[in-house]
Amino acid sequence: MRDLLLQGAGAIAIAISVAHGILGETKVFARATVEPPRLRMLLRLVWQAGTIAWIGGGVLLIAAPAMASDVARHWIVATLGIVFGAAALANAVATRGRHIGWIGMSAVVALAAAGY
């Protein structure tokens, strides 16, 4: 059961990450006017770097049960719990709870902690 909880957390993390990347491109950067163009490109790349990092975290959560190492499992869960927890908290505070992202990220933290 612990393994399924971790894998569920990883699947949610990947889904949130993909949504973050797609919505960033279609909703945020499609209508944002950032000058100069090099700065616009930098902001897009930094935005997508977060997307890729969160996908990597989701993959690690899915793979953790197959690693046959409790130490690796605990470090993965602890590290990604902090990463997604900080992102959830920042999202909730910055948007005063009006953005759905903090709920999904909190679900990742809860499931990963339950699968610890």
PDB file of N, CA and C in Angstrom:
ATOM      1  N   MET A   1       0.812  -1.191   0.000  1.00  0.00           N
ATOM      2  CA  MET A   1       0.000   0.000   0.000  1.00  0.00           C
ATOM      3  C   MET A   1       0.861   1.262   0.000  1.00  0.00           C
ATOM      4  N   ARG A   2       1.957   1.222   0.771  1.00  0.00           N
ATOM      5  CA  ARG A   2       2.864   2.378   0.810  1.00  0.00           C
ATOM      6  C   ARG A   2       3.409   2.692  -0.565  1.00  0.00           C
ATOM      7  N   ASP A   3       3.713   1.641  -1.328  1.00  0.00           N
ATOM      8  CA  ASP A   3       4.249   1.849  -2.667  1.00  0.00           C
ATOM      9  C   ASP A   3       3.220   2.522  -3.576  1.00  0.00           C
ATOM     10  N   LEU A   4       1.977   2.098  -3.479  1.00  0.00           N
ATOM     11  CA  LEU A   4       0.925   2.712  -4.296  1.00  0.00           C
ATOM     12  C   LEU A   4       0.711   4.177  -3.940  1.00  0.00           C
ATOM     13  N   LEU A   5       0.826   4.506  -2.664  1.00  0.00           N
ATOM     14  CA  LEU A   5       0.695   5.898  -2.250  1.00  0.00           C
ATOM     15  C   LEU A   5       1.805   6.756  -2.851  1.00  0.00           C
ATOM     16  N   LEU A   6       3.028   6.245  -2.825  1.00  0.00           N
ATOM     17  CA  LEU A   6       4.138   6.985  -3.427  1.00  0.00           C
ATOM     18  C   LEU A   6       3.955   7.127  -4.927  1.00  0.00           C
ATOM     19  N   GLN A   7       3.541   6.060  -5.571  1.00  0.00           N
ATOM     20  CA  GLN A   7       3.344   6.122  -7.017  1.00  0.00           C
ATOM     21  C   GLN A   7       2.188   7.052  -7.379  1.00  0.00           C
ATOM     22  N   GLY A   8       1.157   7.071  -6.558  1.00  0.00           N
ATOM     23  CA  GLY A   8       0.062   8.022  -6.770  1.00  0.00           C
ATOM     24  C   GLY A   8       0.536   9.452  -6.628  1.00  0.00           C
ATOM     25  N   ALA A   9       1.369   9.694  -5.615  1.00  0.00           N
ATOM     26  CA  ALA A   9       1.941  11.030  -5.432  1.00  0.00           C
ATOM     27  C   ALA A   9       2.763  11.430  -6.651  1.00  0.00           C
ATOM     28  N   GLY A  10       3.525  10.484  -7.182  1.00  0.00           N
ATOM     29  CA  GLY A  10       4.332  10.762  -8.369  1.00  0.00           C
ATOM     30  C   GLY A  10       3.479  11.061  -9.584  1.00  0.00           C
ATOM     31  N   ALA A  11       2.402  10.313  -9.765  1.00  0.00           N
ATOM     32  CA  ALA A  11       1.513  10.542 -10.906  1.00  0.00           C
ATOM     33  C   ALA A  11       0.847  11.918 -10.807  1.00  0.00           C
ATOM     34  N   ILE A  12       0.419  12.292  -9.609  1.00  0.00           N
ATOM     35  CA  ILE A  12      -0.186  13.615  -9.424  1.00  0.00           C
ATOM     36  C   ILE A  12       0.855  14.707  -9.668  1.00  0.00           C
ATOM     37  N   ALA A  13       2.072  14.491  -9.181  1.00  0.00           N
ATOM     38  CA  ALA A  13       3.137  15.474  -9.390  1.00  0.00           C
ATOM     39  C   ALA A  13       3.396  15.685 -10.877  1.00  0.00           C
ATOM     40  N   ILE A  14       3.426  14.606 -11.637  1.00  0.00           N
ATOM     41  CA  ILE A  14       3.656  14.727 -13.077  1.00  0.00           C
ATOM     42  C   ILE A  14       2.485  15.436 -13.751  1.00  0.00           C
ATOM     43  N   ALA A  15       1.264  15.093 -13.368  1.00  0.00           N
ATOM     44  CA  ALA A  15       0.080  15.737 -13.960  1.00  0.00           C
ATOM     45  C   ALA A  15       0.079  17.238 -13.668  1.00  0.00           C
ATOM     46  N   ILE A  16       0.388  17.617 -12.433  1.00  0.00           N
ATOM     47  CA  ILE A  16       0.449  19.030 -12.070  1.00  0.00           C
ATOM     48  C   ILE A  16       1.547  19.732 -12.861  1.00  0.00           C
ATOM     49  N   SER A  17       2.667  19.073 -13.023  1.00  0.00           N
ATOM     50  CA  SER A  17       3.786  19.661 -13.747  1.00  0.00           C
ATOM     51  C   SER A  17       3.446  19.903 -15.206  1.00  0.00           C
ATOM     52  N   VAL A  18       2.825  18.930 -15.830  1.00  0.00           N
ATOM     53  CA  VAL A  18       2.439  19.075 -17.235  1.00  0.00           C
ATOM     54  C   VAL A  18       1.418  20.205 -17.381  1.00  0.00           C
ATOM     55  N   ALA A  19       0.453  20.254 -16.480  1.00  0.00           N
ATOM     56  CA  ALA A  19      -0.535  21.341 -16.513  1.00  0.00           C
ATOM     57  C   ALA A  19       0.155  22.689 -16.322  1.00  0.00           C
ATOM     58  N   HIS A  20       1.115  22.756 -15.410  1.00  0.00           N
ATOM     59  CA  HIS A  20       1.886  23.979 -15.168  1.00  0.00           C
ATOM     60  C   HIS A  20       2.567  24.443 -16.447  1.00  0.00           C
ATOM     61  N   GLY A  21       3.200  23.523 -17.150  1.00  0.00           N
ATOM     62  CA  GLY A  21       3.904  23.879 -18.383  1.00  0.00           C
ATOM     63  C   GLY A  21       2.966  24.328 -19.486  1.00  0.00           C
ATOM     64  N   ILE A  22       1.895  23.581 -19.683  1.00  0.00           N
ATOM     65  CA  ILE A  22       0.947  23.907 -20.755  1.00  0.00           C
ATOM     66  C   ILE A  22       0.226  25.224 -20.456  1.00  0.00           C
ATOM     67  N   LEU A  23      -0.281  25.375 -19.244  1.00  0.00           N
ATOM     68  CA  LEU A  23      -1.001  26.604 -18.902  1.00  0.00           C
ATOM     69  C   LEU A  23      -0.081  27.815 -18.900  1.00  0.00           C
ATOM     70  N   GLY A  24       1.158  27.607 -18.531  1.00  0.00           N
ATOM     71  CA  GLY A  24       2.116  28.709 -18.584  1.00  0.00           C
ATOM     72  C   GLY A  24       2.285  29.221 -20.003  1.00  0.00           C
ATOM     73  N   GLU A  25       2.411  28.298 -20.938  1.00  0.00           N
ATOM     74  CA  GLU A  25       2.591  28.698 -22.337  1.00  0.00           C
ATOM     75  C   GLU A  25       1.319  29.260 -22.955  1.00  0.00           C
ATOM     76  N   THR A  26       0.170  28.661 -22.640  1.00  0.00           N
ATOM     77  CA  THR A  26      -1.070  29.060 -23.310  1.00  0.00           C
ATOM     78  C   THR A  26      -1.797  30.208 -22.630  1.00  0.00           C
ATOM     79  N   LYS A  27      -1.626  30.376 -21.326  1.00  0.00           N
ATOM     80  CA  LYS A  27      -2.360  31.413 -20.606  1.00  0.00           C
ATOM     81  C   LYS A  27      -1.471  32.571 -20.154  1.00  0.00           C
ATOM     82  N   VAL A  28      -0.295  32.251 -19.636  1.00  0.00           N
ATOM     83  CA  VAL A  28       0.554  33.305 -19.084  1.00  0.00           C
ATOM     84  C   VAL A  28       1.371  33.983 -20.176  1.00  0.00           C
ATOM     85  N   PHE A  29       2.189  33.211 -20.863  1.00  0.00           N
ATOM     86  CA  PHE A  29       3.101  33.811 -21.836  1.00  0.00           C
ATOM     87  C   PHE A  29       2.424  34.168 -23.154  1.00  0.00           C
ATOM     88  N   ALA A  30       1.271  33.599 -23.428  1.00  0.00           N
ATOM     89  CA  ALA A  30       0.565  33.940 -24.664  1.00  0.00           C
ATOM     90  C   ALA A  30       0.077  35.383 -24.634  1.00  0.00           C
ATOM     91  N   ARG A  31      -0.220  35.901 -23.459  1.00  0.00           N
ATOM     92  CA  ARG A  31      -0.733  37.273 -23.378  1.00  0.00           C
ATOM     93  C   ARG A  31       0.189  38.235 -22.638  1.00  0.00           C
ATOM     94  N   ALA A  32       1.290  37.746 -22.117  1.00  0.00           N
ATOM     95  CA  ALA A  32       2.221  38.608 -21.393  1.00  0.00           C
ATOM     96  C   ALA A  32       3.087  39.392 -22.380  1.00  0.00           C
ATOM     97  N   THR A  33       3.341  40.625 -22.032  1.00  0.00           N
ATOM     98  CA  THR A  33       4.255  41.437 -22.835  1.00  0.00           C
ATOM     99  C   THR A  33       5.479  41.715 -21.982  1.00  0.00           C
ATOM    100  N   VAL A  34       6.549  41.051 -22.328  1.00  0.00           N
ATOM    101  CA  VAL A  34       7.804  41.206 -21.609  1.00  0.00           C
ATOM    102  C   VAL A  34       8.844  41.676 -22.609  1.00  0.00           C
ATOM    103  N   GLU A  35       9.492  42.753 -22.282  1.00  0.00           N
ATOM    104  CA  GLU A  35      10.544  43.303 -23.130  1.00  0.00           C
ATOM    105  C   GLU A  35      11.832  43.382 -22.325  1.00  0.00           C
ATOM    106  N   PRO A  36      12.943  43.183 -22.916  1.00  0.00           N
ATOM    107  CA  PRO A  36      13.222  42.792 -24.287  1.00  0.00           C
ATOM    108  C   PRO A  36      12.925  41.311 -24.525  1.00  0.00           C
ATOM    109  N   PRO A  37      12.903  40.897 -25.770  1.00  0.00           N
ATOM    110  CA  PRO A  37      12.578  39.495 -26.097  1.00  0.00           C
ATOM    111  C   PRO A  37      13.484  38.477 -25.403  1.00  0.00           C
ATOM    112  N   ARG A  38      14.743  38.848 -25.169  1.00  0.00           N
ATOM    113  CA  ARG A  38      15.647  37.909 -24.475  1.00  0.00           C
ATOM    114  C   ARG A  38      15.178  37.662 -23.048  1.00  0.00           C
ATOM    115  N   LEU A  39      14.648  38.684 -22.395  1.00  0.00           N
ATOM    116  CA  LEU A  39      14.124  38.517 -21.045  1.00  0.00           C
ATOM    117  C   LEU A  39      12.878  37.644 -21.067  1.00  0.00           C
ATOM    118  N   ARG A  40      12.047  37.832 -22.064  1.00  0.00           N
ATOM    119  CA  ARG A  40      10.854  36.991 -22.225  1.00  0.00           C
ATOM    120  C   ARG A  40      11.257  35.523 -22.377  1.00  0.00           C
ATOM    121  N   MET A  41      12.254  35.274 -23.202  1.00  0.00           N
ATOM    122  CA  MET A  41      12.731  33.898 -23.399  1.00  0.00           C
ATOM    123  C   MET A  41      13.303  33.335 -22.097  1.00  0.00           C
ATOM    124  N   LEU A  42      14.054  34.144 -21.360  1.00  0.00           N
ATOM    125  CA  LEU A  42      14.609  33.692 -20.088  1.00  0.00           C
ATOM    126  C   LEU A  42      13.498  33.318 -19.110  1.00  0.00           C
ATOM    127  N   LEU A  43      12.478  34.147 -19.002  1.00  0.00           N
ATOM    128  CA  LEU A  43      11.369  33.850 -18.101  1.00  0.00           C
ATOM    129  C   LEU A  43      10.640  32.569 -18.495  1.00  0.00           C
ATOM    130  N   ARG A  44      10.445  32.372 -19.787  1.00  0.00           N
ATOM    131  CA  ARG A  44       9.796  31.136 -20.252  1.00  0.00           C
ATOM    132  C   ARG A  44      10.640  29.922 -19.901  1.00  0.00           C
ATOM    133  N   LEU A  45      11.941  30.016 -20.118  1.00  0.00           N
ATOM    134  CA  LEU A  45      12.816  28.880 -19.830  1.00  0.00           C
ATOM    135  C   LEU A  45      12.880  28.578 -18.337  1.00  0.00           C
ATOM    136  N   VAL A  46      12.919  29.609 -17.508  1.00  0.00           N
ATOM    137  CA  VAL A  46      12.924  29.395 -16.059  1.00  0.00           C
ATOM    138  C   VAL A  46      11.606  28.760 -15.631  1.00  0.00           C
ATOM    139  N   TRP A  47      10.493  29.236 -16.190  1.00  0.00           N
ATOM    140  CA  TRP A  47       9.180  28.658 -15.892  1.00  0.00           C
ATOM    141  C   TRP A  47       9.187  27.161 -16.224  1.00  0.00           C
ATOM    142  N   GLN A  48       9.674  26.817 -17.409  1.00  0.00           N
ATOM    143  CA  GLN A  48       9.674  25.427 -17.839  1.00  0.00           C
ATOM    144  C   GLN A  48      10.726  24.594 -17.110  1.00  0.00           C
ATOM    145  N   ALA A  49      11.768  25.226 -16.595  1.00  0.00           N
ATOM    146  CA  ALA A  49      12.739  24.488 -15.772  1.00  0.00           C
ATOM    147  C   ALA A  49      12.055  23.943 -14.520  1.00  0.00           C
ATOM    148  N   GLY A  50      11.173  24.745 -13.935  1.00  0.00           N
ATOM    149  CA  GLY A  50      10.391  24.264 -12.791  1.00  0.00           C
ATOM    150  C   GLY A  50       9.506  23.101 -13.177  1.00  0.00           C
ATOM    151  N   THR A  51       8.910  23.201 -14.362  1.00  0.00           N
ATOM    152  CA  THR A  51       8.064  22.120 -14.866  1.00  0.00           C
ATOM    153  C   THR A  51       8.858  20.820 -14.982  1.00  0.00           C
ATOM    154  N   ILE A  52      10.030  20.908 -15.589  1.00  0.00           N
ATOM    155  CA  ILE A  52      10.874  19.719 -15.773  1.00  0.00           C
ATOM    156  C   ILE A  52      11.338  19.165 -14.421  1.00  0.00           C
ATOM    157  N   ALA A  53      11.694  20.044 -13.504  1.00  0.00           N
ATOM    158  CA  ALA A  53      12.144  19.593 -12.177  1.00  0.00           C
ATOM    159  C   ALA A  53      11.022  18.851 -11.453  1.00  0.00           C
ATOM    160  N   TRP A  54       9.799  19.381 -11.521  1.00  0.00           N
ATOM    161  CA  TRP A  54       8.670  18.708 -10.862  1.00  0.00           C
ATOM    162  C   TRP A  54       8.355  17.372 -11.527  1.00  0.00           C
ATOM    163  N   ILE A  55       8.492  17.291 -12.837  1.00  0.00           N
ATOM    164  CA  ILE A  55       8.302  16.001 -13.519  1.00  0.00           C
ATOM    165  C   ILE A  55       9.345  15.008 -13.013  1.00  0.00           C
ATOM    166  N   GLY A  56      10.589  15.467 -12.899  1.00  0.00           N
ATOM    167  CA  GLY A  56      11.648  14.608 -12.365  1.00  0.00           C
ATOM    168  C   GLY A  56      11.337  14.131 -10.959  1.00  0.00           C
ATOM    169  N   GLY A  57      10.788  15.011 -10.139  1.00  0.00           N
ATOM    170  CA  GLY A  57      10.378  14.615  -8.792  1.00  0.00           C
ATOM    171  C   GLY A  57       9.288  13.568  -8.819  1.00  0.00           C
ATOM    172  N   GLY A  58       8.325  13.731  -9.727  1.00  0.00           N
ATOM    173  CA  GLY A  58       7.266  12.740  -9.869  1.00  0.00           C
ATOM    174  C   GLY A  58       7.810  11.387 -10.292  1.00  0.00           C
ATOM    175  N   VAL A  59       8.753  11.409 -11.214  1.00  0.00           N
ATOM    176  CA  VAL A  59       9.381  10.152 -11.663  1.00  0.00           C
ATOM    177  C   VAL A  59      10.110   9.480 -10.495  1.00  0.00           C
ATOM    178  N   LEU A  60      10.806  10.266  -9.688  1.00  0.00           N
ATOM    179  CA  LEU A  60      11.496   9.688  -8.525  1.00  0.00           C
ATOM    180  C   LEU A  60      10.517   9.085  -7.527  1.00  0.00           C
ATOM    181  N   LEU A  61       9.387   9.749  -7.312  1.00  0.00           N
ATOM    182  CA  LEU A  61       8.383   9.183  -6.402  1.00  0.00           C
ATOM    183  C   LEU A  61       7.829   7.870  -6.942  1.00  0.00           C
ATOM    184  N   ILE A  62       7.615   7.799  -8.241  1.00  0.00           N
ATOM    185  CA  ILE A  62       7.124   6.552  -8.843  1.00  0.00           C
ATOM    186  C   ILE A  62       8.185   5.456  -8.756  1.00  0.00           C
ATOM    187  N   ALA A  63       9.444   5.827  -8.951  1.00  0.00           N
ATOM    188  CA  ALA A  63      10.525   4.833  -8.979  1.00  0.00           C
ATOM    189  C   ALA A  63      11.015   4.425  -7.589  1.00  0.00           C
ATOM    190  N   ALA A  64      10.753   5.215  -6.572  1.00  0.00           N
ATOM    191  CA  ALA A  64      11.296   4.952  -5.230  1.00  0.00           C
ATOM    192  C   ALA A  64      11.002   3.543  -4.713  1.00  0.00           C
ATOM    193  N   PRO A  65       9.783   3.010  -4.886  1.00  0.00           N
ATOM    194  CA  PRO A  65       9.531   1.658  -4.375  1.00  0.00           C
ATOM    195  C   PRO A  65      10.387   0.578  -5.047  1.00  0.00           C
ATOM    196  N   ALA A  66      10.793   0.811  -6.279  1.00  0.00           N
ATOM    197  CA  ALA A  66      11.580  -0.193  -6.998  1.00  0.00           C
ATOM    198  C   ALA A  66      13.064  -0.117  -6.660  1.00  0.00           C
ATOM    199  N   MET A  67      13.477   0.866  -5.878  1.00  0.00           N
ATOM    200  CA  MET A  67      14.899   1.047  -5.593  1.00  0.00           C
ATOM    201  C   MET A  67      15.428   0.085  -4.541  1.00  0.00           C
ATOM    202  N   ALA A  68      14.555  -0.560  -3.808  1.00  0.00           N
ATOM    203  CA  ALA A  68      14.952  -1.522  -2.781  1.00  0.00           C
ATOM    204  C   ALA A  68      15.917  -0.913  -1.771  1.00  0.00           C
ATOM    205  N   SER A  69      15.735   0.358  -1.495  1.00  0.00           N
ATOM    206  CA  SER A  69      16.574   1.046  -0.522  1.00  0.00           C
ATOM    207  C   SER A  69      15.691   1.964   0.312  1.00  0.00           C
ATOM    208  N   ASP A  70      15.562   1.636   1.587  1.00  0.00           N
ATOM    209  CA  ASP A  70      14.766   2.487   2.465  1.00  0.00           C
ATOM    210  C   ASP A  70      15.391   3.869   2.621  1.00  0.00           C
ATOM    211  N   VAL A  71      16.711   3.926   2.601  1.00  0.00           N
ATOM    212  CA  VAL A  71      17.383   5.219   2.721  1.00  0.00           C
ATOM    213  C   VAL A  71      17.033   6.111   1.530  1.00  0.00           C
ATOM    214  N   ALA A  72      17.118   5.552   0.324  1.00  0.00           N
ATOM    215  CA  ALA A  72      16.775   6.330  -0.874  1.00  0.00           C
ATOM    216  C   ALA A  72      15.312   6.763  -0.827  1.00  0.00           C
ATOM    217  N   ARG A  73      14.458   5.853  -0.444  1.00  0.00           N
ATOM    218  CA  ARG A  73      13.026   6.165  -0.353  1.00  0.00           C
ATOM    219  C   ARG A  73      12.783   7.332   0.603  1.00  0.00           C
ATOM    220  N   HIS A  74      13.393   7.295   1.766  1.00  0.00           N
ATOM    221  CA  HIS A  74      13.189   8.342   2.765  1.00  0.00           C
ATOM    222  C   HIS A  74      13.736   9.686   2.298  1.00  0.00           C
ATOM    223  N   TRP A  75      14.903   9.684   1.656  1.00  0.00           N
ATOM    224  CA  TRP A  75      15.466  10.937   1.153  1.00  0.00           C
ATOM    225  C   TRP A  75      14.618  11.514   0.024  1.00  0.00           C
ATOM    226  N   ILE A  76      14.133  10.664  -0.852  1.00  0.00           N
ATOM    227  CA  ILE A  76      13.282  11.134  -1.950  1.00  0.00           C
ATOM    228  C   ILE A  76      12.007  11.749  -1.387  1.00  0.00           C
ATOM    229  N   VAL A  77      11.353  11.050  -0.476  1.00  0.00           N
ATOM    230  CA  VAL A  77      10.093  11.552   0.090  1.00  0.00           C
ATOM    231  C   VAL A  77      10.335  12.833   0.879  1.00  0.00           C
ATOM    232  N   ALA A  78      11.374  12.861   1.689  1.00  0.00           N
ATOM    233  CA  ALA A  78      11.645  14.050   2.500  1.00  0.00           C
ATOM    234  C   ALA A  78      11.963  15.256   1.617  1.00  0.00           C
ATOM    235  N   THR A  79      12.818  15.054   0.637  1.00  0.00           N
ATOM    236  CA  THR A  79      13.213  16.163  -0.238  1.00  0.00           C
ATOM    237  C   THR A  79      12.023  16.684  -1.040  1.00  0.00           C
ATOM    238  N   LEU A  80      11.278  15.782  -1.650  1.00  0.00           N
ATOM    239  CA  LEU A  80      10.154  16.226  -2.481  1.00  0.00           C
ATOM    240  C   LEU A  80       8.990  16.705  -1.629  1.00  0.00           C
ATOM    241  N   GLY A  81       8.872  16.211  -0.420  1.00  0.00           N
ATOM    242  CA  GLY A  81       7.867  16.752   0.491  1.00  0.00           C
ATOM    243  C   GLY A  81       8.143  18.218   0.797  1.00  0.00           C
ATOM    244  N   ILE A  82       9.408  18.547   1.001  1.00  0.00           N
ATOM    245  CA  ILE A  82       9.787  19.943   1.245  1.00  0.00           C
ATOM    246  C   ILE A  82       9.575  20.785  -0.014  1.00  0.00           C
ATOM    247  N   VAL A  83       9.997  20.264  -1.164  1.00  0.00           N
ATOM    248  CA  VAL A  83       9.863  21.011  -2.425  1.00  0.00           C
ATOM    249  C   VAL A  83       8.393  21.296  -2.731  1.00  0.00           C
ATOM    250  N   PHE A  84       7.572  20.258  -2.749  1.00  0.00           N
ATOM    251  CA  PHE A  84       6.162  20.451  -3.076  1.00  0.00           C
ATOM    252  C   PHE A  84       5.417  21.169  -1.948  1.00  0.00           C
ATOM    253  N   GLY A  85       5.834  20.947  -0.708  1.00  0.00           N
ATOM    254  CA  GLY A  85       5.212  21.654   0.409  1.00  0.00           C
ATOM    255  C   GLY A  85       5.477  23.152   0.344  1.00  0.00           C
ATOM    256  N   ALA A  86       6.720  23.526   0.042  1.00  0.00           N
ATOM    257  CA  ALA A  86       7.053  24.945  -0.082  1.00  0.00           C
ATOM    258  C   ALA A  86       6.304  25.577  -1.252  1.00  0.00           C
ATOM    259  N   ALA A  87       6.222  24.845  -2.359  1.00  0.00           N
ATOM    260  CA  ALA A  87       5.492  25.363  -3.528  1.00  0.00           C
ATOM    261  C   ALA A  87       4.007  25.514  -3.214  1.00  0.00           C
ATOM    262  N   ALA A  88       3.437  24.549  -2.506  1.00  0.00           N
ATOM    263  CA  ALA A  88       2.018  24.630  -2.141  1.00  0.00           C
ATOM    264  C   ALA A  88       1.769  25.817  -1.220  1.00  0.00           C
ATOM    265  N   LEU A  89       2.631  25.990  -0.242  1.00  0.00           N
ATOM    266  CA  LEU A  89       2.476  27.100   0.698  1.00  0.00           C
ATOM    267  C   LEU A  89       2.618  28.446  -0.015  1.00  0.00           C
ATOM    268  N   ALA A  90       3.634  28.569  -0.851  1.00  0.00           N
ATOM    269  CA  ALA A  90       3.838  29.819  -1.590  1.00  0.00           C
ATOM    270  C   ALA A  90       2.657  30.112  -2.505  1.00  0.00           C
ATOM    271  N   ASN A  91       2.154  29.080  -3.176  1.00  0.00           N
ATOM    272  CA  ASN A  91       1.009  29.249  -4.069  1.00  0.00           C
ATOM    273  C   ASN A  91      -0.224  29.686  -3.288  1.00  0.00           C
ATOM    274  N   ALA A  92      -0.482  29.042  -2.172  1.00  0.00           N
ATOM    275  CA  ALA A  92      -1.665  29.372  -1.375  1.00  0.00           C
ATOM    276  C   ALA A  92      -1.580  30.790  -0.813  1.00  0.00           C
ATOM    277  N   VAL A  93      -0.410  31.171  -0.331  1.00  0.00           N
ATOM    278  CA  VAL A  93      -0.249  32.509   0.238  1.00  0.00           C
ATOM    279  C   VAL A  93      -0.333  33.574  -0.848  1.00  0.00           C
ATOM    280  N   ALA A  94       0.390  33.355  -1.955  1.00  0.00           N
ATOM    281  CA  ALA A  94       0.438  34.357  -3.018  1.00  0.00           C
ATOM    282  C   ALA A  94      -0.924  34.586  -3.665  1.00  0.00           C
ATOM    283  N   THR A  95      -1.724  33.532  -3.778  1.00  0.00           N
ATOM    284  CA  THR A  95      -3.029  33.672  -4.444  1.00  0.00           C
ATOM    285  C   THR A  95      -4.182  33.720  -3.446  1.00  0.00           C
ATOM    286  N   ARG A  96      -3.849  33.724  -2.169  1.00  0.00           N
ATOM    287  CA  ARG A  96      -4.857  33.705  -1.101  1.00  0.00           C
ATOM    288  C   ARG A  96      -5.815  32.518  -1.259  1.00  0.00           C
ATOM    289  N   GLY A  97      -5.263  31.411  -1.709  1.00  0.00           N
ATOM    290  CA  GLY A  97      -6.034  30.182  -1.834  1.00  0.00           C
ATOM    291  C   GLY A  97      -6.932  30.095  -3.052  1.00  0.00           C
ATOM    292  N   ARG A  98      -6.865  31.064  -3.953  1.00  0.00           N
ATOM    293  CA  ARG A  98      -7.765  31.070  -5.112  1.00  0.00           C
ATOM    294  C   ARG A  98      -7.246  30.262  -6.291  1.00  0.00           C
ATOM    295  N   HIS A  99      -6.029  29.781  -6.217  1.00  0.00           N
ATOM    296  CA  HIS A  99      -5.435  28.992  -7.306  1.00  0.00           C
ATOM    297  C   HIS A  99      -5.452  27.533  -6.890  1.00  0.00           C
ATOM    298  N   ILE A 100      -5.846  26.664  -7.794  1.00  0.00           N
ATOM    299  CA  ILE A 100      -6.016  25.246  -7.459  1.00  0.00           C
ATOM    300  C   ILE A 100      -4.684  24.505  -7.275  1.00  0.00           C
ATOM    301  N   GLY A 101      -3.591  25.084  -7.735  1.00  0.00           N
ATOM    302  CA  GLY A 101      -2.307  24.392  -7.683  1.00  0.00           C
ATOM    303  C   GLY A 101      -1.885  23.958  -6.294  1.00  0.00           C
ATOM    304  N   TRP A 102      -2.161  24.765  -5.290  1.00  0.00           N
ATOM    305  CA  TRP A 102      -1.726  24.410  -3.939  1.00  0.00           C
ATOM    306  C   TRP A 102      -2.429  23.159  -3.427  1.00  0.00           C
ATOM    307  N   ILE A 103      -3.645  22.923  -3.900  1.00  0.00           N
ATOM    308  CA  ILE A 103      -4.375  21.726  -3.470  1.00  0.00           C
ATOM    309  C   ILE A 103      -3.700  20.474  -4.039  1.00  0.00           C
ATOM    310  N   GLY A 104      -3.369  20.511  -5.311  1.00  0.00           N
ATOM    311  CA  GLY A 104      -2.696  19.375  -5.933  1.00  0.00           C
ATOM    312  C   GLY A 104      -1.329  19.109  -5.333  1.00  0.00           C
ATOM    313  N   MET A 105      -0.576  20.182  -5.095  1.00  0.00           N
ATOM    314  CA  MET A 105       0.751  20.005  -4.502  1.00  0.00           C
ATOM    315  C   MET A 105       0.646  19.489  -3.067  1.00  0.00           C
ATOM    316  N   SER A 106      -0.379  19.932  -2.352  1.00  0.00           N
ATOM    317  CA  SER A 106      -0.595  19.420  -0.993  1.00  0.00           C
ATOM    318  C   SER A 106      -0.962  17.940  -1.030  1.00  0.00           C
ATOM    319  N   ALA A 107      -1.694  17.531  -2.059  1.00  0.00           N
ATOM    320  CA  ALA A 107      -2.037  16.121  -2.213  1.00  0.00           C
ATOM    321  C   ALA A 107      -0.768  15.286  -2.454  1.00  0.00           C
ATOM    322  N   VAL A 108       0.144  15.818  -3.234  1.00  0.00           N
ATOM    323  CA  VAL A 108       1.426  15.119  -3.458  1.00  0.00           C
ATOM    324  C   VAL A 108       2.141  14.936  -2.126  1.00  0.00           C
ATOM    325  N   VAL A 109       2.216  15.989  -1.342  1.00  0.00           N
ATOM    326  CA  VAL A 109       2.894  15.913  -0.040  1.00  0.00           C
ATOM    327  C   VAL A 109       2.202  14.895   0.875  1.00  0.00           C
ATOM    328  N   ALA A 110       0.891  14.960   0.934  1.00  0.00           N
ATOM    329  CA  ALA A 110       0.139  14.047   1.822  1.00  0.00           C
ATOM    330  C   ALA A 110       0.324  12.585   1.408  1.00  0.00           C
ATOM    331  N   LEU A 111       0.198  12.303   0.121  1.00  0.00           N
ATOM    332  CA  LEU A 111       0.348  10.926  -0.340  1.00  0.00           C
ATOM    333  C   LEU A 111       1.786  10.431  -0.148  1.00  0.00           C
ATOM    334  N   ALA A 112       2.745  11.299  -0.443  1.00  0.00           N
ATOM    335  CA  ALA A 112       4.157  10.897  -0.275  1.00  0.00           C
ATOM    336  C   ALA A 112       4.458  10.646   1.207  1.00  0.00           C
ATOM    337  N   ALA A 113       3.946  11.489   2.079  1.00  0.00           N
ATOM    338  CA  ALA A 113       4.160  11.287   3.518  1.00  0.00           C
ATOM    339  C   ALA A 113       3.500   9.995   3.989  1.00  0.00           C
ATOM    340  N   ALA A 114       2.320   9.700   3.470  1.00  0.00           N
ATOM    341  CA  ALA A 114       1.625   8.465   3.841  1.00  0.00           C
ATOM    342  C   ALA A 114       2.388   7.240   3.320  1.00  0.00           C
ATOM    343  N   GLY A 115       3.081   7.389   2.204  1.00  0.00           N
ATOM    344  CA  GLY A 115       3.848   6.290   1.640  1.00  0.00           C
ATOM    345  C   GLY A 115       5.274   6.225   2.126  1.00  0.00           C
ATOM    346  N   TYR A 116       5.634   7.089   3.025  1.00  0.00           N
ATOM    347  CA  TYR A 116       6.989   7.176   3.563  1.00  0.00           C
ATOM    348  C   TYR A 116       7.413   5.866   4.161  1.00  0.00           C
TER     349      TYR A 116
END
